[in-house]
Amino acid sequence: MPMFHELVIGGVLVAPIVSYAVAALLIIFLLRPLLHAAGISRMFSHPTVAELGLYVTIFGLITLYS
């Protein structure tokens, strides 16, 4: 299993979990317009909570497979 090492940004070590969180956030930002165009926000009574659940799922999958 490949290990993800720390990133070095300006001499500061950044933990891998922070990189995973940022990657999941970027994926969510890319998916949001597609989900809203598909009408997903009308399927849920609280679309913000549904997006948070999707973020947690994507974050978990990135963490699991990294």
N, C-alpha and C. Protein backbone atom coordinates (compact mmCIF):
# COMPACT_ATOMS: atom_id res chain seq x y z
N MET A 1 0.84 -1.17 0.00
CA MET A 1 0.00 0.00 0.00
C MET A 1 0.90 1.24 0.00
N PRO A 2 0.65 2.17 -0.93
CA PRO A 2 1.50 3.37 -0.98
C PRO A 2 1.25 4.28 0.21
N MET A 3 2.32 4.83 0.73
CA MET A 3 2.22 5.78 1.84
C MET A 3 2.27 7.19 1.28
N PHE A 4 1.41 8.06 1.78
CA PHE A 4 1.43 9.46 1.39
C PHE A 4 2.25 10.21 2.42
N HIS A 5 3.29 10.87 1.97
CA HIS A 5 4.17 11.58 2.88
C HIS A 5 3.71 13.02 3.04
N GLU A 6 4.25 13.66 4.04
CA GLU A 6 3.87 15.04 4.32
C GLU A 6 4.27 15.95 3.17
N LEU A 7 3.47 16.98 2.97
CA LEU A 7 3.81 18.02 2.00
C LEU A 7 4.64 19.08 2.71
N VAL A 8 5.54 19.68 1.99
CA VAL A 8 6.32 20.78 2.54
C VAL A 8 5.95 22.03 1.76
N ILE A 9 5.31 22.97 2.44
CA ILE A 9 4.89 24.23 1.82
C ILE A 9 5.57 25.36 2.55
N GLY A 10 6.52 25.96 1.91
CA GLY A 10 7.24 27.07 2.52
C GLY A 10 8.01 26.68 3.77
N GLY A 11 8.51 25.47 3.80
CA GLY A 11 9.26 24.99 4.96
C GLY A 11 8.39 24.46 6.08
N VAL A 12 7.07 24.45 5.88
CA VAL A 12 6.15 23.96 6.91
C VAL A 12 5.62 22.60 6.47
N LEU A 13 5.70 21.62 7.37
CA LEU A 13 5.17 20.30 7.07
C LEU A 13 3.65 20.30 7.24
N VAL A 14 2.96 19.79 6.23
CA VAL A 14 1.51 19.69 6.27
C VAL A 14 1.15 18.22 6.34
N ALA A 15 0.34 17.86 7.31
CA ALA A 15 -0.05 16.47 7.51
C ALA A 15 -0.86 15.96 6.32
N PRO A 16 -0.76 14.67 6.03
CA PRO A 16 -1.52 14.12 4.90
C PRO A 16 -3.03 14.29 5.04
N ILE A 17 -3.55 14.26 6.25
CA ILE A 17 -4.99 14.39 6.44
C ILE A 17 -5.50 15.75 5.97
N VAL A 18 -4.66 16.78 6.09
CA VAL A 18 -5.03 18.11 5.61
C VAL A 18 -5.09 18.10 4.08
N SER A 19 -4.17 17.41 3.46
CA SER A 19 -4.18 17.29 2.00
C SER A 19 -5.43 16.55 1.53
N TYR A 20 -5.81 15.51 2.25
CA TYR A 20 -7.01 14.77 1.89
C TYR A 20 -8.25 15.64 2.04
N ALA A 21 -8.31 16.44 3.10
CA ALA A 21 -9.46 17.31 3.32
C ALA A 21 -9.57 18.35 2.21
N VAL A 22 -8.45 18.92 1.79
CA VAL A 22 -8.46 19.91 0.71
C VAL A 22 -8.86 19.26 -0.60
N ALA A 23 -8.37 18.05 -0.86
CA ALA A 23 -8.73 17.34 -2.09
C ALA A 23 -10.23 17.04 -2.11
N ALA A 24 -10.78 16.62 -0.99
CA ALA A 24 -12.22 16.35 -0.92
C ALA A 24 -13.02 17.63 -1.12
N LEU A 25 -12.53 18.74 -0.59
CA LEU A 25 -13.21 20.01 -0.76
C LEU A 25 -13.20 20.45 -2.23
N LEU A 26 -12.09 20.25 -2.91
CA LEU A 26 -12.02 20.58 -4.33
C LEU A 26 -12.98 19.72 -5.15
N ILE A 27 -13.08 18.45 -4.81
CA ILE A 27 -14.01 17.56 -5.51
C ILE A 27 -15.44 18.01 -5.30
N ILE A 28 -15.77 18.40 -4.07
CA ILE A 28 -17.13 18.88 -3.77
C ILE A 28 -17.43 20.15 -4.57
N PHE A 29 -16.46 21.07 -4.64
CA PHE A 29 -16.67 22.30 -5.41
C PHE A 29 -16.89 22.01 -6.89
N LEU A 30 -16.27 20.96 -7.40
CA LEU A 30 -16.48 20.58 -8.79
C LEU A 30 -17.83 19.88 -9.00
N LEU A 31 -18.29 19.14 -8.00
CA LEU A 31 -19.54 18.39 -8.12
C LEU A 31 -20.78 19.23 -7.85
N ARG A 32 -20.66 20.28 -7.05
CA ARG A 32 -21.83 21.08 -6.66
C ARG A 32 -22.64 21.60 -7.84
N PRO A 33 -22.03 22.22 -8.85
CA PRO A 33 -22.86 22.70 -9.98
C PRO A 33 -23.57 21.56 -10.72
N LEU A 34 -22.90 20.42 -10.83
CA LEU A 34 -23.53 19.28 -11.50
C LEU A 34 -24.71 18.76 -10.69
N LEU A 35 -24.56 18.70 -9.39
CA LEU A 35 -25.64 18.21 -8.54
C LEU A 35 -26.82 19.17 -8.52
N HIS A 36 -26.54 20.46 -8.49
CA HIS A 36 -27.63 21.44 -8.51
C HIS A 36 -28.33 21.45 -9.86
N ALA A 37 -27.60 21.26 -10.95
CA ALA A 37 -28.21 21.20 -12.27
C ALA A 37 -29.09 19.96 -12.41
N ALA A 38 -28.71 18.89 -11.73
CA ALA A 38 -29.50 17.66 -11.78
C ALA A 38 -30.71 17.71 -10.86
N GLY A 39 -30.82 18.76 -10.05
CA GLY A 39 -31.98 18.89 -9.17
C GLY A 39 -31.88 18.11 -7.88
N ILE A 40 -30.69 17.80 -7.47
CA ILE A 40 -30.51 17.03 -6.24
C ILE A 40 -30.98 17.82 -5.02
N SER A 41 -30.86 19.15 -5.07
CA SER A 41 -31.24 19.96 -3.91
C SER A 41 -32.74 19.88 -3.62
N ARG A 42 -33.55 19.54 -4.62
CA ARG A 42 -34.99 19.41 -4.39
C ARG A 42 -35.35 18.06 -3.78
N MET A 43 -34.43 17.11 -3.80
CA MET A 43 -34.71 15.78 -3.25
C MET A 43 -34.57 15.71 -1.74
N PHE A 44 -33.85 16.66 -1.16
CA PHE A 44 -33.57 16.64 0.27
C PHE A 44 -34.23 17.83 0.95
N SER A 45 -34.67 17.61 2.19
CA SER A 45 -35.26 18.73 2.93
C SER A 45 -34.17 19.69 3.42
N HIS A 46 -32.95 19.18 3.63
CA HIS A 46 -31.82 20.01 4.03
C HIS A 46 -30.65 19.70 3.09
N PRO A 47 -30.58 20.39 1.94
CA PRO A 47 -29.52 20.08 0.98
C PRO A 47 -28.11 20.34 1.51
N THR A 48 -27.97 21.27 2.44
CA THR A 48 -26.65 21.55 2.99
C THR A 48 -26.13 20.35 3.78
N VAL A 49 -27.02 19.72 4.53
CA VAL A 49 -26.63 18.53 5.30
C VAL A 49 -26.30 17.38 4.34
N ALA A 50 -27.02 17.28 3.24
CA ALA A 50 -26.72 16.25 2.24
C ALA A 50 -25.35 16.49 1.61
N GLU A 51 -25.00 17.75 1.34
CA GLU A 51 -23.68 18.05 0.80
C GLU A 51 -22.58 17.75 1.82
N LEU A 52 -22.86 18.02 3.09
CA LEU A 52 -21.89 17.67 4.13
C LEU A 52 -21.68 16.16 4.19
N GLY A 53 -22.76 15.41 4.07
CA GLY A 53 -22.64 13.95 4.04
C GLY A 53 -21.84 13.47 2.85
N LEU A 54 -22.03 14.12 1.70
CA LEU A 54 -21.26 13.76 0.52
C LEU A 54 -19.79 14.09 0.71
N TYR A 55 -19.50 15.24 1.35
CA TYR A 55 -18.12 15.61 1.64
C TYR A 55 -17.47 14.57 2.56
N VAL A 56 -18.16 14.18 3.61
CA VAL A 56 -17.61 13.19 4.54
C VAL A 56 -17.37 11.87 3.84
N THR A 57 -18.28 11.49 2.94
CA THR A 57 -18.10 10.24 2.19
C THR A 57 -16.89 10.31 1.28
N ILE A 58 -16.74 11.40 0.55
CA ILE A 58 -15.59 11.55 -0.34
C ILE A 58 -14.29 11.61 0.46
N PHE A 59 -14.30 12.35 1.56
CA PHE A 59 -13.12 12.42 2.43
C PHE A 59 -12.75 11.03 2.96
N GLY A 60 -13.74 10.27 3.37
CA GLY A 60 -13.48 8.91 3.86
C GLY A 60 -12.91 8.01 2.78
N LEU A 61 -13.45 8.12 1.56
CA LEU A 61 -12.94 7.30 0.47
C LEU A 61 -11.51 7.67 0.09
N ILE A 62 -11.22 8.96 0.08
CA ILE A 62 -9.84 9.37 -0.22
C ILE A 62 -8.90 8.86 0.86
N THR A 63 -9.31 8.97 2.11
CA THR A 63 -8.48 8.50 3.22
C THR A 63 -8.30 6.99 3.17
N LEU A 64 -9.36 6.29 2.84
CA LEU A 64 -9.31 4.82 2.81
C LEU A 64 -8.39 4.32 1.71
N TYR A 65 -8.44 4.93 0.54
CA TYR A 65 -7.68 4.43 -0.60
C TYR A 65 -6.33 5.12 -0.80
N SER A 66 -5.90 5.94 0.15
CA SER A 66 -4.61 6.59 0.01
C SER A 66 -3.56 5.91 0.87
